[in-house]
Amino acid sequence: MRKSFQFRIYPLITMSNGSKIEPPEFLRASEKRLSREQIHLSKKKLRSNNRNKQRVIVAKVHRRIRNQRKDFAHKTSRKLVDEYDHIVFEDLQIQNMVQNHRLAKSISDAGWYQLISFTKTKAEYAGKIVELVNPRNTSQNCSSCGKSVPKDLKVRVHSCPFCGLVLDRDHNAAINIKNRSISTVGTTGFQACLSNLNREAMKQEAPLL
């Protein structure tokens, strides 16, 4: 079975069947504590034992966040590989997106690259396929008739004036990702994933996975 996915901050992933996976917010959840511990660290005397102890505390908070991200990526990638034979993601330029300071924290917190990397590894061992497709205009084009329907990020519903299709914006984009894969690979069952971090995210548009 094939599935395509779109990556977006809220939700993290929208699938071509309309289901969604919400993003983890481990960093934001621990942000207050991390900020507090870092302030304590800044107030400690340089080269003192107390400063060294506080550095250990800050490091533990960071390590906990990393472990949570890794665990989420492992569990989510395992679910995708177990359920689908062909998984299609948007080919996002994540490194460039992180340079957008308004999105960097959410992008890093979601662990986009790690999730795709883990999915690829598990799929390879399982003899399944992970494909990356060009995300260009997947949220702007109608998944039914193919016509361009420009919309701002704040518009969360795709409403096509040409064919009448009305669909959740991310769901429409995920279907476009799936169709883009079908046009080059075939129609064997799959799932396409839309991420909330696609190319338009750099213009304050959510992306596809």
C-alpha atoms as a PDB file:
ATOM      1  CA  MET A   1       0.000   0.000   0.000  1.00  0.00           C
ATOM      2  CA  ARG A   2       1.304   3.455  -0.893  1.00  0.00           C
ATOM      3  CA  LYS A   3       0.835   6.577   1.190  1.00  0.00           C
ATOM      4  CA  SER A   4       1.873  10.191   0.738  1.00  0.00           C
ATOM      5  CA  PHE A   5       2.403  12.723   3.496  1.00  0.00           C
ATOM      6  CA  GLN A   6       2.615  16.471   3.892  1.00  0.00           C
ATOM      7  CA  PHE A   7       4.706  17.987   6.696  1.00  0.00           C
ATOM      8  CA  ARG A   8       3.174  20.958   8.478  1.00  0.00           C
ATOM      9  CA  ILE A   9       3.774  22.460  11.900  1.00  0.00           C
ATOM     10  CA  TYR A  10       0.125  21.916  12.850  1.00  0.00           C
ATOM     11  CA  PRO A  11      -0.368  19.056  12.257  1.00  0.00           C
ATOM     12  CA  LEU A  12       3.092  17.599  11.716  1.00  0.00           C
ATOM     13  CA  ILE A  13       1.927  15.257   8.972  1.00  0.00           C
ATOM     14  CA  THR A  14      -1.198  15.143   6.822  1.00  0.00           C
ATOM     15  CA  MET A  15      -1.674  11.920   4.862  1.00  0.00           C
ATOM     16  CA  SER A  16      -3.284  11.555   1.464  1.00  0.00           C
ATOM     17  CA  ASN A  17      -6.136   9.627   3.119  1.00  0.00           C
ATOM     18  CA  GLY A  18      -6.879  12.696   5.258  1.00  0.00           C
ATOM     19  CA  SER A  19      -5.545  11.416   8.584  1.00  0.00           C
ATOM     20  CA  LYS A  20      -3.113  13.572  10.560  1.00  0.00           C
ATOM     21  CA  ILE A  21      -0.240  13.163  13.002  1.00  0.00           C
ATOM     22  CA  GLU A  22       0.151  16.004  15.486  1.00  0.00           C
ATOM     23  CA  PRO A  23       3.655  17.381  16.112  1.00  0.00           C
ATOM     24  CA  PRO A  24       5.549  16.811  19.354  1.00  0.00           C
ATOM     25  CA  GLU A  25       6.559  19.970  21.180  1.00  0.00           C
ATOM     26  CA  PHE A  26       9.211  18.633  23.485  1.00  0.00           C
ATOM     27  CA  LEU A  27      11.382  21.727  23.353  1.00  0.00           C
ATOM     28  CA  ARG A  28       8.504  24.117  23.986  1.00  0.00           C
ATOM     29  CA  ALA A  29       7.196  21.936  26.804  1.00  0.00           C
ATOM     30  CA  SER A  30      10.609  22.056  28.492  1.00  0.00           C
ATOM     31  CA  GLU A  31      11.350  25.619  27.412  1.00  0.00           C
ATOM     32  CA  LYS A  32      10.512  27.287  30.715  1.00  0.00           C
ATOM     33  CA  ARG A  33      12.629  24.900  32.722  1.00  0.00           C
ATOM     34  CA  LEU A  34      15.484  25.101  30.236  1.00  0.00           C
ATOM     35  CA  SER A  35      15.363  28.902  30.296  1.00  0.00           C
ATOM     36  CA  ARG A  36      15.327  28.917  34.082  1.00  0.00           C
ATOM     37  CA  GLU A  37      18.298  26.558  34.329  1.00  0.00           C
ATOM     38  CA  GLN A  38      20.256  28.551  31.739  1.00  0.00           C
ATOM     39  CA  ILE A  39      19.642  31.750  33.702  1.00  0.00           C
ATOM     40  CA  HIS A  40      20.917  30.018  36.832  1.00  0.00           C
ATOM     41  CA  LEU A  41      23.990  28.934  34.874  1.00  0.00           C
ATOM     42  CA  SER A  42      24.704  32.471  33.686  1.00  0.00           C
ATOM     43  CA  LYS A  43      24.702  33.685  37.286  1.00  0.00           C
ATOM     44  CA  LYS A  44      27.196  31.121  38.530  1.00  0.00           C
ATOM     45  CA  LYS A  45      30.797  32.184  39.035  1.00  0.00           C
ATOM     46  CA  LEU A  46      33.106  31.176  36.194  1.00  0.00           C
ATOM     47  CA  ARG A  47      35.166  28.015  36.796  1.00  0.00           C
ATOM     48  CA  SER A  48      33.318  27.351  40.059  1.00  0.00           C
ATOM     49  CA  ASN A  49      32.023  23.941  41.160  1.00  0.00           C
ATOM     50  CA  ASN A  50      28.495  25.339  41.291  1.00  0.00           C
ATOM     51  CA  ARG A  51      28.759  26.446  37.657  1.00  0.00           C
ATOM     52  CA  ASN A  52      29.983  23.014  36.616  1.00  0.00           C
ATOM     53  CA  LYS A  53      27.076  21.377  38.447  1.00  0.00           C
ATOM     54  CA  GLN A  54      24.610  23.727  36.781  1.00  0.00           C
ATOM     55  CA  ARG A  55      26.079  22.945  33.357  1.00  0.00           C
ATOM     56  CA  VAL A  56      25.329  19.281  34.022  1.00  0.00           C
ATOM     57  CA  ILE A  57      21.702  20.141  34.840  1.00  0.00           C
ATOM     58  CA  VAL A  58      21.294  22.138  31.613  1.00  0.00           C
ATOM     59  CA  ALA A  59      22.861  19.305  29.625  1.00  0.00           C
ATOM     60  CA  LYS A  60      20.385  16.836  31.148  1.00  0.00           C
ATOM     61  CA  VAL A  61      17.421  18.949  30.021  1.00  0.00           C
ATOM     62  CA  HIS A  62      18.812  19.081  26.474  1.00  0.00           C
ATOM     63  CA  ARG A  63      19.476  15.335  26.507  1.00  0.00           C
ATOM     64  CA  ARG A  64      15.938  14.579  27.633  1.00  0.00           C
ATOM     65  CA  ILE A  65      14.551  16.637  24.742  1.00  0.00           C
ATOM     66  CA  ARG A  66      16.818  14.852  22.242  1.00  0.00           C
ATOM     67  CA  ASN A  67      15.746  11.457  23.564  1.00  0.00           C
ATOM     68  CA  GLN A  68      12.066  12.396  23.318  1.00  0.00           C
ATOM     69  CA  ARG A  69      12.486  13.539  19.714  1.00  0.00           C
ATOM     70  CA  LYS A  70      14.336  10.351  18.830  1.00  0.00           C
ATOM     71  CA  ASP A  71      11.697   8.161  20.467  1.00  0.00           C
ATOM     72  CA  PHE A  72       8.901   9.961  18.594  1.00  0.00           C
ATOM     73  CA  ALA A  73      10.745   9.608  15.279  1.00  0.00           C
ATOM     74  CA  HIS A  74      11.329   5.891  15.866  1.00  0.00           C
ATOM     75  CA  LYS A  75       7.711   5.179  16.804  1.00  0.00           C
ATOM     76  CA  THR A  76       6.220   7.268  13.991  1.00  0.00           C
ATOM     77  CA  SER A  77       8.554   5.866  11.321  1.00  0.00           C
ATOM     78  CA  ARG A  78       7.837   2.338  12.544  1.00  0.00           C
ATOM     79  CA  LYS A  79       4.091   2.946  12.239  1.00  0.00           C
ATOM     80  CA  LEU A  80       4.451   4.281   8.687  1.00  0.00           C
ATOM     81  CA  VAL A  81       6.666   1.430   7.503  1.00  0.00           C
ATOM     82  CA  ASP A  82       4.484  -1.227   9.146  1.00  0.00           C
ATOM     83  CA  GLU A  83       1.316   0.134   7.536  1.00  0.00           C
ATOM     84  CA  TYR A  84       2.478   1.167   4.051  1.00  0.00           C
ATOM     85  CA  ASP A  85       4.588  -0.358   1.284  1.00  0.00           C
ATOM     86  CA  HIS A  86       5.334   2.917  -0.503  1.00  0.00           C
ATOM     87  CA  ILE A  87       5.742   6.179   1.410  1.00  0.00           C
ATOM     88  CA  VAL A  88       6.045   9.507  -0.388  1.00  0.00           C
ATOM     89  CA  PHE A  89       7.392  12.653   1.278  1.00  0.00           C
ATOM     90  CA  GLU A  90       7.919  16.185   0.029  1.00  0.00           C
ATOM     91  CA  ASP A  91      11.558  16.812  -0.752  1.00  0.00           C
ATOM     92  CA  LEU A  92      11.951  19.729   1.656  1.00  0.00           C
ATOM     93  CA  GLN A  93      15.070  21.872   2.038  1.00  0.00           C
ATOM     94  CA  ILE A  94      14.967  21.678   5.817  1.00  0.00           C
ATOM     95  CA  GLN A  95      18.379  23.256   6.389  1.00  0.00           C
ATOM     96  CA  ASN A  96      17.248  26.378   4.546  1.00  0.00           C
ATOM     97  CA  MET A  97      13.987  26.475   6.488  1.00  0.00           C
ATOM     98  CA  VAL A  98      15.803  26.455   9.830  1.00  0.00           C
ATOM     99  CA  GLN A  99      17.385  29.743   8.781  1.00  0.00           C
ATOM    100  CA  ASN A 100      13.903  31.264   9.011  1.00  0.00           C
ATOM    101  CA  HIS A 101      13.956  32.348  12.662  1.00  0.00           C
ATOM    102  CA  ARG A 102      10.159  32.388  12.896  1.00  0.00           C
ATOM    103  CA  LEU A 103      10.019  28.701  12.008  1.00  0.00           C
ATOM    104  CA  ALA A 104      13.364  27.392  13.268  1.00  0.00           C
ATOM    105  CA  LYS A 105      12.234  26.371  16.740  1.00  0.00           C
ATOM    106  CA  SER A 106       9.132  24.516  15.550  1.00  0.00           C
ATOM    107  CA  ILE A 107      11.046  22.843  12.739  1.00  0.00           C
ATOM    108  CA  SER A 108      13.842  21.716  15.033  1.00  0.00           C
ATOM    109  CA  ASP A 109      11.375  20.584  17.698  1.00  0.00           C
ATOM    110  CA  ALA A 110       9.500  18.410  15.228  1.00  0.00           C
ATOM    111  CA  GLY A 111      12.687  16.665  14.064  1.00  0.00           C
ATOM    112  CA  TRP A 112      11.776  16.562  10.367  1.00  0.00           C
ATOM    113  CA  TYR A 113      15.092  15.243   9.086  1.00  0.00           C
ATOM    114  CA  GLN A 114      15.315  12.570  11.763  1.00  0.00           C
ATOM    115  CA  LEU A 115      11.818  11.284  11.019  1.00  0.00           C
ATOM    116  CA  ILE A 116      12.490  10.948   7.292  1.00  0.00           C
ATOM    117  CA  SER A 117      15.901   9.383   7.929  1.00  0.00           C
ATOM    118  CA  PHE A 118      14.469   6.769  10.307  1.00  0.00           C
ATOM    119  CA  THR A 119      11.639   6.011   7.876  1.00  0.00           C
ATOM    120  CA  LYS A 120      14.109   5.455   5.036  1.00  0.00           C
ATOM    121  CA  THR A 121      16.239   3.111   7.143  1.00  0.00           C
ATOM    122  CA  LYS A 122      13.304   1.010   8.362  1.00  0.00           C
ATOM    123  CA  ALA A 123      11.785   0.866   4.877  1.00  0.00           C
ATOM    124  CA  GLU A 124      15.050  -0.372   3.376  1.00  0.00           C
ATOM    125  CA  TYR A 125      15.244  -3.248   5.861  1.00  0.00           C
ATOM    126  CA  ALA A 126      11.578  -4.081   5.244  1.00  0.00           C
ATOM    127  CA  GLY A 127      11.956  -4.043   1.471  1.00  0.00           C
ATOM    128  CA  LYS A 128       9.628  -1.063   1.121  1.00  0.00           C
ATOM    129  CA  ILE A 129       9.903   2.212  -0.770  1.00  0.00           C
ATOM    130  CA  VAL A 130      10.399   5.775   0.474  1.00  0.00           C
ATOM    131  CA  GLU A 131      10.209   8.407  -2.245  1.00  0.00           C
ATOM    132  CA  LEU A 132      10.813  12.159  -2.166  1.00  0.00           C
ATOM    133  CA  VAL A 133       8.977  14.334  -4.693  1.00  0.00           C
ATOM    134  CA  ASN A 134       9.178  17.988  -5.665  1.00  0.00           C
ATOM    135  CA  PRO A 135       6.812  19.927  -3.351  1.00  0.00           C
ATOM    136  CA  ARG A 136       6.383  22.869  -5.722  1.00  0.00           C
ATOM    137  CA  ASN A 137       2.787  24.164  -5.808  1.00  0.00           C
ATOM    138  CA  THR A 138       1.326  21.098  -4.089  1.00  0.00           C
ATOM    139  CA  SER A 139      -0.729  23.312  -1.792  1.00  0.00           C
ATOM    140  CA  GLN A 140      -1.749  25.703  -4.573  1.00  0.00           C
ATOM    141  CA  ASN A 141      -2.894  23.271  -7.263  1.00  0.00           C
ATOM    142  CA  CYS A 142      -6.239  21.478  -7.154  1.00  0.00           C
ATOM    143  CA  SER A 143      -5.810  17.740  -6.599  1.00  0.00           C
ATOM    144  CA  SER A 144      -8.948  17.056  -8.651  1.00  0.00           C
ATOM    145  CA  CYS A 145      -8.606  19.145 -11.816  1.00  0.00           C
ATOM    146  CA  GLY A 146      -4.986  20.285 -11.560  1.00  0.00           C
ATOM    147  CA  LYS A 147      -5.782  23.986 -11.930  1.00  0.00           C
ATOM    148  CA  SER A 148      -3.839  26.564  -9.895  1.00  0.00           C
ATOM    149  CA  VAL A 149      -5.828  27.971  -6.964  1.00  0.00           C
ATOM    150  CA  PRO A 150      -3.561  30.538  -5.218  1.00  0.00           C
ATOM    151  CA  LYS A 151      -4.150  30.976  -1.497  1.00  0.00           C
ATOM    152  CA  ASP A 152      -2.430  32.554   1.499  1.00  0.00           C
ATOM    153  CA  LEU A 153      -1.257  30.491   4.458  1.00  0.00           C
ATOM    154  CA  LYS A 154      -4.187  31.703   6.566  1.00  0.00           C
ATOM    155  CA  VAL A 155      -6.604  30.046   4.116  1.00  0.00           C
ATOM    156  CA  ARG A 156      -6.842  26.501   5.477  1.00  0.00           C
ATOM    157  CA  VAL A 157      -9.511  25.177   3.096  1.00  0.00           C
ATOM    158  CA  HIS A 158      -8.907  24.466  -0.591  1.00  0.00           C
ATOM    159  CA  SER A 159     -11.951  25.593  -2.571  1.00  0.00           C
ATOM    160  CA  CYS A 160     -11.574  25.165  -6.332  1.00  0.00           C
ATOM    161  CA  PRO A 161     -13.588  27.619  -8.465  1.00  0.00           C
ATOM    162  CA  PHE A 162     -12.996  25.437 -11.536  1.00  0.00           C
ATOM    163  CA  CYS A 163     -14.217  21.975 -10.499  1.00  0.00           C
ATOM    164  CA  GLY A 164     -15.914  22.737  -7.173  1.00  0.00           C
ATOM    165  CA  LEU A 165     -13.647  20.586  -4.962  1.00  0.00           C
ATOM    166  CA  VAL A 166     -13.692  21.696  -1.321  1.00  0.00           C
ATOM    167  CA  LEU A 167     -11.092  20.029   0.872  1.00  0.00           C
ATOM    168  CA  ASP A 168      -8.795  20.667   3.819  1.00  0.00           C
ATOM    169  CA  ARG A 169      -5.789  22.523   2.422  1.00  0.00           C
ATOM    170  CA  ASP A 170      -3.230  20.026   3.729  1.00  0.00           C
ATOM    171  CA  HIS A 171      -5.268  17.030   2.594  1.00  0.00           C
ATOM    172  CA  ASN A 172      -5.427  18.502  -0.909  1.00  0.00           C
ATOM    173  CA  ALA A 173      -1.648  18.986  -0.914  1.00  0.00           C
ATOM    174  CA  ALA A 174      -1.004  15.431   0.299  1.00  0.00           C
ATOM    175  CA  ILE A 175      -3.129  14.063  -2.549  1.00  0.00           C
ATOM    176  CA  ASN A 176      -1.090  16.148  -4.996  1.00  0.00           C
ATOM    177  CA  ILE A 177       2.069  14.591  -3.584  1.00  0.00           C
ATOM    178  CA  LYS A 178       0.554  11.154  -4.059  1.00  0.00           C
ATOM    179  CA  ASN A 179      -0.516  11.961  -7.623  1.00  0.00           C
ATOM    180  CA  ARG A 180       2.934  13.307  -8.404  1.00  0.00           C
ATOM    181  CA  SER A 181       4.411   9.987  -7.329  1.00  0.00           C
ATOM    182  CA  ILE A 182       1.828   7.949  -9.256  1.00  0.00           C
ATOM    183  CA  SER A 183       2.722   9.823 -12.429  1.00  0.00           C
ATOM    184  CA  THR A 184       6.291   8.551 -12.217  1.00  0.00           C
ATOM    185  CA  VAL A 185       6.066   5.267 -10.303  1.00  0.00           C
ATOM    186  CA  GLY A 186       2.690   3.582 -10.679  1.00  0.00           C
ATOM    187  CA  THR A 187      -0.436   2.996  -8.627  1.00  0.00           C
ATOM    188  CA  THR A 188       0.503   0.183  -6.248  1.00  0.00           C
ATOM    189  CA  GLY A 189      -1.012   0.943  -2.829  1.00  0.00           C
ATOM    190  CA  PHE A 190       0.817   3.751  -1.054  1.00  0.00           C
ATOM    191  CA  GLN A 191       0.523   6.678   1.337  1.00  0.00           C
ATOM    192  CA  ALA A 192       1.650  10.223   0.650  1.00  0.00           C
ATOM    193  CA  CYS A 193       2.681  12.473   3.524  1.00  0.00           C
ATOM    194  CA  LEU A 194       2.332  16.230   3.569  1.00  0.00           C
ATOM    195  CA  SER A 195       4.579  18.136   5.951  1.00  0.00           C
ATOM    196  CA  ASN A 196       3.857  21.520   7.403  1.00  0.00           C
ATOM    197  CA  LEU A 197       7.292  22.730   6.439  1.00  0.00           C
ATOM    198  CA  ASN A 198       7.343  22.943   2.679  1.00  0.00           C
ATOM    199  CA  ARG A 199       8.961  25.461   0.414  1.00  0.00           C
ATOM    200  CA  GLU A 200       6.211  27.957   1.060  1.00  0.00           C
ATOM    201  CA  ALA A 201       6.979  27.763   4.756  1.00  0.00           C
ATOM    202  CA  MET A 202       9.838  30.096   4.008  1.00  0.00           C
ATOM    203  CA  LYS A 203       7.165  32.566   2.949  1.00  0.00           C
ATOM    204  CA  GLN A 204       5.228  31.751   6.137  1.00  0.00           C
ATOM    205  CA  GLU A 205       3.483  28.883   4.361  1.00  0.00           C
ATOM    206  CA  ALA A 206       3.230  25.499   6.016  1.00  0.00           C
ATOM    207  CA  PRO A 207       5.183  22.585   4.388  1.00  0.00           C
ATOM    208  CA  LEU A 208       4.564  19.104   3.113  1.00  0.00           C
ATOM    209  CA  LEU A 209       6.229  15.831   3.884  1.00  0.00           C
END
